[in-house]
Protein backbone atom coordinates (compact mmCIF):
# COMPACT_ATOMS: atom_id res chain seq x y z
CA MET A 1 0.00 0.00 0.00
CA ASP A 2 1.50 3.35 -0.96
CA LEU A 3 1.80 6.12 1.57
CA LEU A 4 -0.59 8.54 -0.11
CA ARG A 5 -3.32 5.95 -0.66
CA ASN A 6 -2.88 4.62 2.87
CA LEU A 7 -3.51 8.09 4.26
CA THR A 8 -6.51 9.03 2.14
CA ASP A 9 -8.68 9.43 5.23
CA GLY A 10 -6.22 11.91 6.69
CA ALA A 11 -5.40 13.83 3.53
CA CYS A 12 -8.03 16.48 4.22
CA LEU A 13 -6.11 17.35 7.38
CA TRP A 14 -3.27 18.64 5.23
CA ALA A 15 -5.08 20.02 2.22
CA GLY A 16 -5.53 23.39 3.87
CA LEU A 17 -1.98 23.77 5.11
CA MET A 18 -0.85 25.30 1.85
CA ALA A 19 -3.53 27.97 2.14
CA CYS A 20 -2.79 28.63 5.80
CA CYS A 21 0.96 28.80 5.91
CA ALA A 22 3.27 31.21 4.18
CA THR A 23 6.38 29.61 5.65
CA CYS A 24 6.48 26.75 8.12
CA ALA A 25 9.84 28.19 8.92
CA ALA A 26 12.70 27.50 11.23
CA GLY A 27 13.28 30.28 13.73
CA GLU A 28 16.34 31.63 15.49
CA PRO A 29 18.07 29.15 17.82
CA GLY A 30 17.42 29.83 21.50
CA GLU A 31 17.31 28.07 24.85
CA PRO A 32 16.11 24.45 25.11
CA ALA A 33 12.33 24.34 25.25
CA ALA A 34 9.56 21.77 25.62
CA SER A 35 5.78 21.75 25.82
CA LEU A 36 2.99 19.18 25.79
CA ILE A 37 -0.67 19.34 24.77
CA ARG A 38 -3.16 16.50 25.23
CA TYR A 39 -6.69 15.28 24.67
CA GLU A 40 -8.59 12.79 26.82
CA VAL A 41 -11.26 10.75 25.06
CA PRO A 42 -14.31 10.71 27.39
CA GLY A 43 -13.99 7.53 29.41
CA GLY A 44 -11.07 6.38 27.28
CA GLU A 45 -7.49 7.03 26.23
CA THR A 46 -5.27 10.11 26.31
CA PHE A 47 -3.46 11.39 23.21
CA PHE A 48 -0.72 14.00 23.32
CA ALA A 49 1.83 15.94 21.27
CA LEU A 50 5.22 16.61 22.83
CA ALA A 51 7.33 19.44 21.36
CA LEU A 52 11.09 19.49 21.96
CA LYS A 53 13.70 22.05 20.93
CA THR A 54 17.40 21.93 21.74
CA GLY A 55 19.68 24.77 22.67
CA PRO A 56 22.33 25.93 20.17
CA LEU A 57 24.23 23.07 18.53
CA PRO A 58 27.71 23.28 16.97
CA ALA A 59 27.37 23.45 13.19
CA ALA A 60 29.83 22.11 10.63
CA GLU A 61 31.95 24.67 8.81
CA GLN A 62 31.78 22.80 5.49
CA ARG A 63 28.65 21.27 4.03
CA ASP A 64 27.55 19.78 0.70
CA HIS A 65 24.00 20.33 -0.57
CA ALA A 66 22.34 18.15 -3.19
CA ILE A 67 19.60 20.28 -4.75
CA LEU A 68 16.60 18.64 -6.43
CA PHE A 69 14.66 21.08 -8.60
CA ASP A 70 11.27 19.80 -9.81
CA THR A 71 10.83 20.26 -13.58
CA SER A 72 7.46 18.52 -13.96
CA ALA A 73 4.54 20.13 -15.78
CA SER A 74 3.04 21.55 -12.58
CA GLN A 75 6.14 23.69 -12.09
CA ALA A 76 5.39 26.21 -14.81
CA GLY A 77 4.64 29.92 -15.02
CA ALA A 78 4.70 31.90 -11.78
CA HIS A 79 5.53 28.83 -9.69
CA ARG A 80 8.67 28.21 -11.73
CA ARG A 81 9.75 31.85 -11.56
CA GLN A 82 9.29 31.82 -7.79
CA ALA A 83 11.20 28.55 -7.45
CA LEU A 84 14.12 29.84 -9.52
CA ALA A 85 14.25 33.06 -7.52
CA VAL A 86 14.33 31.12 -4.24
CA LEU A 87 17.10 28.93 -5.64
CA ASP A 88 19.13 32.03 -6.51
CA GLY A 89 18.60 33.35 -2.98
CA PHE A 90 19.67 30.03 -1.48
CA LEU A 91 22.88 29.89 -3.51
CA ALA A 92 23.71 33.52 -2.73
CA ALA A 93 23.33 32.98 1.02
CA LEU A 94 25.48 29.85 1.34
CA GLY A 95 28.96 30.11 2.81
CA LYS A 96 32.08 30.07 0.67
CA THR A 97 33.15 26.70 2.05
CA ASP A 98 29.82 25.06 1.09
CA ARG A 99 29.39 23.12 -2.14
CA VAL A 100 26.30 22.30 -4.21
CA ARG A 101 25.24 19.97 -6.98
CA LEU A 102 22.05 20.65 -8.92
CA PHE A 103 19.65 18.02 -10.26
CA ALA A 104 16.52 18.44 -12.38
CA CYS A 105 13.86 15.89 -11.52
CA ASP A 106 10.59 14.84 -13.13
CA VAL A 107 10.03 11.33 -14.47
CA LYS A 108 13.83 11.02 -14.61
CA VAL A 109 16.64 12.55 -12.58
CA LYS A 110 19.11 14.66 -14.56
CA PRO A 111 22.38 15.81 -12.95
CA LEU A 112 23.18 19.31 -14.20
CA ALA A 113 26.76 19.26 -12.91
CA ASP A 114 29.19 16.36 -12.70
CA ASP A 115 30.34 17.10 -9.14
CA PHE A 116 29.86 19.41 -6.16
CA PHE A 117 31.12 22.98 -6.66
CA PRO A 118 31.02 26.25 -4.67
CA PRO A 119 27.59 27.93 -4.88
CA GLN A 120 28.85 30.93 -6.87
CA SER A 121 31.29 29.06 -9.09
CA ALA A 122 31.20 29.04 -12.87
CA GLU A 123 30.19 25.37 -12.79
CA THR A 124 27.17 26.10 -10.60
CA ARG A 125 26.12 29.08 -12.72
CA GLU A 126 26.31 26.85 -15.79
CA ALA A 127 24.11 24.26 -14.05
CA VAL A 128 21.51 26.94 -13.25
CA THR A 129 21.58 28.05 -16.89
CA LYS A 130 20.92 24.47 -18.00
CA LEU A 131 18.02 24.31 -15.53
CA GLN A 132 16.49 27.49 -16.90
CA ARG A 133 16.44 25.98 -20.40
CA ILE A 134 14.46 22.90 -19.34
CA VAL A 135 10.78 23.01 -20.31
CA PRO A 136 8.57 21.73 -17.45
CA LEU A 137 6.87 18.54 -18.68
CA GLY A 138 5.48 15.27 -17.36
CA ALA A 139 5.11 14.12 -13.77
CA THR A 140 7.53 13.60 -10.89
CA ALA A 141 8.96 10.39 -9.42
CA MET A 142 10.12 11.46 -5.94
CA GLN A 143 11.78 8.27 -4.79
CA PRO A 144 14.40 8.02 -7.60
CA ALA A 145 15.15 11.71 -7.16
CA LEU A 146 15.73 11.38 -3.42
CA GLU A 147 17.77 8.22 -3.94
CA ALA A 148 19.98 9.97 -6.51
CA ALA A 149 20.54 12.97 -4.24
CA LEU A 150 21.49 10.80 -1.28
CA LYS A 151 23.83 8.63 -3.36
CA SER A 152 25.60 11.69 -4.78
CA LEU A 153 26.61 13.14 -1.41
CA PRO A 154 30.25 12.56 -0.45
CA GLY A 155 30.89 10.87 2.87
CA ASP A 156 33.62 13.14 4.22
CA ARG A 157 31.60 16.35 4.80
CA ALA A 158 28.37 17.42 6.47
CA ARG A 159 25.49 17.26 4.02
CA SER A 160 21.88 18.11 3.27
CA ILE A 161 19.29 17.64 0.56
CA LEU A 162 17.14 20.52 -0.67
CA TYR A 163 14.00 19.80 -2.69
CA ILE A 164 12.21 22.62 -4.55
CA GLY A 165 8.82 21.62 -5.94
CA ASP A 166 5.38 20.37 -4.96
CA GLY A 167 6.26 16.89 -3.70
CA MET A 168 3.49 15.32 -5.81
CA SER A 169 5.00 11.98 -6.80
CA THR A 170 2.33 11.13 -9.38
CA ALA A 171 4.73 9.30 -11.71
CA GLN A 172 5.69 6.77 -9.04
CA LEU A 173 3.98 6.61 -5.66
CA ILE A 174 6.28 5.78 -2.78
CA GLN A 175 5.40 2.56 -0.97
CA VAL A 176 5.52 2.60 2.82
CA PRO A 177 8.32 -0.02 3.20
CA GLU A 178 10.44 1.74 0.58
CA LEU A 179 9.95 5.13 2.22
CA ARG A 180 10.83 3.68 5.62
CA ALA A 181 14.06 2.19 4.24
CA LEU A 182 14.97 5.43 2.44
CA LEU A 183 14.41 7.51 5.58
CA ALA A 184 16.60 5.11 7.55
CA ARG A 185 19.44 5.56 5.05
CA MET A 186 19.06 9.34 5.14
CA ARG A 187 19.17 9.31 8.91
CA GLN A 188 22.23 7.05 8.93
CA ALA A 189 23.94 9.41 6.47
CA ARG A 190 22.94 12.44 8.59
CA ALA A 191 21.35 14.02 5.52
CA PRO A 192 18.39 16.20 6.53
CA VAL A 193 15.85 16.86 3.77
CA HIS A 194 14.66 20.47 3.47
CA SER A 195 11.85 21.54 1.15
CA PHE A 196 10.45 24.62 -0.48
CA ALA A 197 6.90 23.57 -1.32
CA VAL A 198 5.69 25.42 -4.40
CA GLY A 199 3.04 24.65 -7.00
CA PRO A 200 -0.73 24.58 -7.53
CA ARG A 201 -0.96 21.61 -5.13
CA THR A 202 1.66 20.49 -2.62
CA ASP A 203 2.05 17.18 -0.80
CA LEU A 204 2.85 18.41 2.68
CA GLN A 205 2.21 14.96 4.09
CA LEU A 206 5.21 13.57 2.20
CA LEU A 207 7.42 16.64 2.56
CA GLY A 208 6.58 16.94 6.26
CA THR A 209 7.34 13.25 6.84
CA LEU A 210 10.72 13.64 5.13
CA ALA A 211 11.57 16.63 7.31
CA GLU A 212 10.30 15.04 10.54
CA HIS A 213 12.34 11.85 10.12
CA THR A 214 15.56 13.38 8.80
CA GLY A 215 15.75 16.64 10.76
CA GLY A 216 14.86 19.02 7.94
CA VAL A 217 12.49 21.96 7.63
CA VAL A 218 9.59 22.73 5.30
CA PHE A 219 8.93 26.17 3.81
CA VAL A 220 5.61 26.69 1.99
CA ASP A 221 5.25 29.23 -0.79
CA ALA A 222 1.47 29.69 -0.72
CA LEU A 223 0.32 33.15 0.44
CA VAL A 224 3.85 34.44 0.86
CA ASP A 225 3.73 38.21 0.68
CA ASP A 226 6.66 38.94 -1.63
CA SER A 227 6.72 42.57 -0.52
CA LYS A 228 7.50 41.41 3.05
CA THR A 229 9.34 38.17 2.31
CA PRO A 230 10.86 38.32 -1.17
CA PRO A 231 12.18 35.11 -2.74
CA ALA A 232 15.77 36.05 -1.92
CA GLN A 233 14.85 36.20 1.76
CA VAL A 234 13.11 32.81 1.59
CA GLY A 235 16.25 31.40 -0.03
CA LYS A 236 18.38 32.90 2.74
CA LYS A 237 16.20 31.28 5.41
CA LEU A 238 16.54 27.96 3.62
CA ALA A 239 20.32 28.37 3.55
CA LEU A 240 20.41 29.08 7.28
CA ALA A 241 18.27 26.02 7.98
CA ALA A 242 20.37 23.83 5.68
CA GLY A 243 23.53 24.92 7.47
CA ALA A 244 22.20 24.35 11.00
CA ALA A 245 23.24 21.38 13.12
CA VAL A 246 20.89 18.47 13.84
CA PHE A 247 20.96 16.13 16.85
CA TYR A 248 20.08 12.51 16.07
CA PRO A 249 19.06 10.74 19.30
CA ASP A 250 18.57 6.99 19.37
CA LYS A 251 16.53 6.79 22.58
CA LEU A 252 13.71 8.81 24.16
CA SER A 253 12.14 8.04 27.53
CA LEU A 254 9.32 9.62 29.51
CA SER A 255 8.86 9.43 33.25
CA PRO A 256 6.21 8.43 34.12
CA GLU A 257 6.10 6.04 31.16
CA THR A 258 3.37 6.12 28.52
CA ASP A 259 1.92 3.43 26.29
CA ARG A 260 3.35 4.33 22.88
CA LEU A 261 5.21 7.08 21.01
CA ALA A 262 5.54 8.05 17.34
CA PRO A 263 7.35 8.55 15.04
CA VAL A 264 9.61 5.53 15.17
CA PRO A 265 12.59 5.91 15.46
CA VAL A 266 12.94 9.04 17.62
CA PRO A 267 12.93 12.10 15.35
CA PRO A 268 16.02 14.30 15.04
CA LEU A 269 16.07 17.51 17.10
CA ARG A 270 16.98 21.05 16.07
CA ALA A 271 17.53 24.37 17.81
CA ASP A 272 15.49 26.42 15.32
CA ARG A 273 12.21 24.48 15.24
CA ASP A 274 10.28 22.10 17.48
CA SER A 275 10.40 18.39 16.87
CA ILE A 276 7.02 16.81 17.54
CA ILE A 277 6.52 13.41 19.16
CA LEU A 278 2.99 12.01 19.30
CA GLY A 279 1.95 9.71 22.11
CA LYS A 280 -0.84 7.71 23.67
CA GLY A 281 -1.15 7.08 27.40
CA ARG A 282 -2.23 8.83 30.57
CA LEU A 283 -0.10 11.64 31.98
CA SER A 284 -0.35 13.15 35.44
CA GLY A 285 1.78 15.79 37.08
CA GLN A 286 5.20 16.68 35.74
CA VAL A 287 6.77 14.70 32.93
CA LYS A 288 10.52 14.19 32.64
CA VAL A 289 11.79 13.72 29.08
CA THR A 290 15.25 12.30 28.36
CA VAL A 291 16.82 11.81 24.93
CA SER A 292 20.24 10.33 24.33
CA GLY A 293 22.53 9.53 21.44
CA GLU A 294 25.74 10.62 19.74
CA GLY A 295 27.49 10.48 23.13
CA ARG A 296 25.24 13.05 24.79
CA ALA A 297 21.95 13.31 26.66
CA MET A 298 19.38 16.06 27.03
CA GLU A 299 16.60 16.45 29.60
CA TRP A 300 13.43 18.51 29.92
CA THR A 301 10.84 18.68 32.69
CA ILE A 302 7.35 19.61 31.55
CA LYS A 303 4.06 20.35 33.25
CA PRO A 304 1.46 19.24 30.68
CA ALA A 305 -1.22 21.72 29.73
CA ALA A 306 -4.72 20.77 30.88
CA PRO A 307 -6.66 18.50 28.48
CA GLN A 308 -8.73 20.58 26.08
CA PRO A 309 -11.64 19.62 23.80
CA GLY A 310 -9.95 21.69 21.09
CA ASN A 311 -7.13 19.14 20.98
CA THR A 312 -9.37 16.46 19.49
CA PHE A 313 -7.29 16.62 16.30
CA LEU A 314 -4.55 14.70 18.13
CA VAL A 315 -6.64 11.54 17.81
CA ARG A 316 -6.54 11.88 14.02
CA LEU A 317 -2.81 12.61 13.98
CA TRP A 318 -2.18 9.52 16.08
CA GLY A 319 -4.40 7.41 13.84
CA MET A 320 -2.43 8.46 10.76
CA ALA A 321 0.84 7.51 12.48
CA GLU A 322 -0.53 4.21 13.72
CA GLN A 323 -1.68 3.17 10.24
CA THR A 324 1.94 3.12 9.10
CA GLY A 325 3.69 1.81 12.20
CA GLY A 326 4.83 5.22 13.40
CA LEU A 327 6.05 6.43 10.01
CA ALA A 328 3.48 9.01 8.88
CA VAL A 329 4.17 11.84 11.29
CA ALA A 330 4.44 15.00 9.22
CA VAL A 331 4.18 17.73 11.87
CA ALA A 332 7.73 19.02 11.51
CA GLY A 333 7.33 22.02 13.83
CA GLN A 334 4.74 23.77 15.98
CA GLU A 335 3.37 25.68 13.00
CA LEU A 336 2.22 22.49 11.31
CA VAL A 337 0.63 21.32 14.56
CA SER A 338 -1.37 24.56 14.77
CA TYR A 339 -2.45 24.41 11.15
CA SER A 340 -3.48 20.77 11.41
CA ARG A 341 -5.73 21.75 14.32
CA GLN A 342 -7.25 24.54 12.25
CA GLU A 343 -7.90 22.29 9.29
CA PHE A 344 -9.41 19.60 11.53
CA GLU A 345 -11.81 22.11 13.05
CA GLU A 346 -12.81 23.32 9.60
CA GLN A 347 -13.51 19.75 8.54
CA VAL A 348 -15.78 19.21 11.56
CA GLN A 349 -17.64 22.45 10.86
CA GLN A 350 -18.20 21.36 7.26
CA LEU A 351 -19.79 18.15 8.52
CA VAL A 352 -21.96 20.14 10.95
CA ALA A 353 -23.18 22.33 8.07
CA MET A 354 -23.94 19.22 6.00
CA GLY A 355 -25.88 17.74 8.92
CA ARG A 356 -27.98 20.86 9.30
CA ARG A 357 -28.77 20.89 5.60
CA ALA A 358 -29.77 17.23 5.76
CA VAL A 359 -32.20 17.96 8.62
CA ALA A 360 -33.66 20.93 6.73
CA ALA A 361 -34.17 18.71 3.68
CA ARG A 362 -35.75 16.01 5.91
CA ASP A 363 -33.07 13.53 4.87
CA LEU A 364 -32.98 12.16 8.40
CA ASN A 365 -31.01 9.00 7.66
CA LEU A 366 -28.21 11.04 6.08
CA ALA A 367 -28.29 13.44 9.03
CA GLU A 368 -27.82 10.53 11.45
CA GLN A 369 -24.88 9.22 9.41
CA ILE A 370 -23.25 12.65 9.50
CA VAL A 371 -23.75 12.86 13.27
CA GLN A 372 -21.97 9.52 13.60
CA SER A 373 -19.06 10.82 11.51
CA ILE A 374 -18.81 13.93 13.68
CA ARG A 375 -18.84 11.84 16.85
CA GLU A 376 -16.01 9.68 15.53
CA LEU A 377 -13.93 12.80 14.89
CA ASP A 378 -15.04 14.85 17.90
CA PRO A 379 -16.85 12.83 20.59
CA GLN A 380 -17.71 15.91 22.65
CA ASN A 381 -19.08 18.03 19.83
CA VAL A 382 -22.17 19.86 21.11
CA GLU A 383 -23.46 20.76 17.65
CA ALA A 384 -23.63 17.07 16.73
CA GLU A 385 -25.98 16.50 19.67
CA THR A 386 -28.11 19.44 18.53
CA ILE A 387 -28.43 17.91 15.06
CA LEU A 388 -29.29 14.51 16.54
CA SER A 389 -31.96 16.10 18.74
CA ALA A 390 -33.44 17.80 15.67
CA VAL A 391 -33.47 14.45 13.87
CA GLN A 392 -35.25 12.76 16.75
CA ASN A 393 -37.81 15.57 16.98
CA ALA A 394 -38.44 15.40 13.25
CA LYS A 395 -38.91 11.63 13.41
CA ALA A 396 -41.32 11.95 16.36
CA ALA A 397 -43.35 14.60 14.51
CA ARG A 398 -43.43 12.42 11.38
CA ASP A 399 -44.59 9.38 13.34
CA ALA A 400 -47.29 11.40 15.12
CA LEU A 401 -48.55 12.71 11.78
CA ASP A 402 -48.61 9.17 10.39
CA ARG A 403 -50.64 7.93 13.36
CA LYS A 404 -53.07 10.82 13.05
CA SER A 405 -53.58 10.13 9.35
CA GLY A 406 -54.02 6.43 9.98
CA LYS A 407 -50.75 5.39 8.37
CA THR A 408 -48.72 2.67 9.98
CA PRO A 409 -44.97 3.14 9.91
CA ALA A 410 -43.27 0.50 7.81
CA ALA A 411 -41.86 -2.35 9.84
CA LYS A 412 -38.12 -2.41 10.10
CA PRO A 413 -36.50 -5.37 8.34
CA ARG A 414 -35.38 -8.15 10.68
């Protein structure tokens, strides 16, 4: 089962992110920080989201960047101009000791330079010129592109992968086992995947999962105000994120212990954005969090925020992760957590509106089905109970009218 098809039920959670987020950006490194929000299912389980951020980490002085530039048909017109401008800004902001290698990717992966060169070198400028001459056509196969970028990176320097495009792998969907294996190799190679999501539609589920598991960041082009954040500035932010250090822990423990955590393995941590860990299990009082790996350990002590009905969206996030054995966690930063909550609430309100229309149209069976869907998403939703009450009142009035007119309600099938 491919990742996108496996997550069809959760796709609506991410469809609105593009319209909500100008940049799901990394911020300035600061002091270590942690927070925890949770939701308690009435009479049932507790779901939570733990956010961790490190203090400043020592960054490498030299780094190689494999750049994948999407040249599929969706990357045309204004989207292509924006992508090229962001690429220029990225190259201009990189340090003199950094090196880059540019690839064009659609159905096939085309190296535009035969090695890694300084970002402002003649070889890199020639590669950009070749890119500008490519006519956007066809679809994109993300897995071969990511594989080629990872394989190209030398082993003697710090490294990163930058993808510029929409992430829509319509030419070749990535299967869950293959994505899991690829993410493991990226993590082993310490190659964080950063993305600039641009295009008429963007797959933030895939791009977010890549960033969450490898320690990258995601920037989203939609609704960027170019007068406040011009493409050159977006490129500079990408360069800063690509040059930042990442901590790759191999163990995370909570005290008191909880039932389960996702993603699996423990996600990398950064100083410039939160890393999100989802969990299931009851929490009471203070929680001590310890992560360890790479010869170091970090600790946080957190007092969880009180359970809130507005955190119902955590149940859906956990369900998406559980479907893929802890893989599909795409909330790479607090911004994506906030926007997923917003989109979840909008989805529930759309169902409420549909339920009201069904009652008004006297389609009572449909209204009951919609109420059930709302309850599955949001067990404490008051508006769902209002719709159900209206359905019951309408059925009672209909039955009373039938009795008065001498009609006998049809017997229910056994």
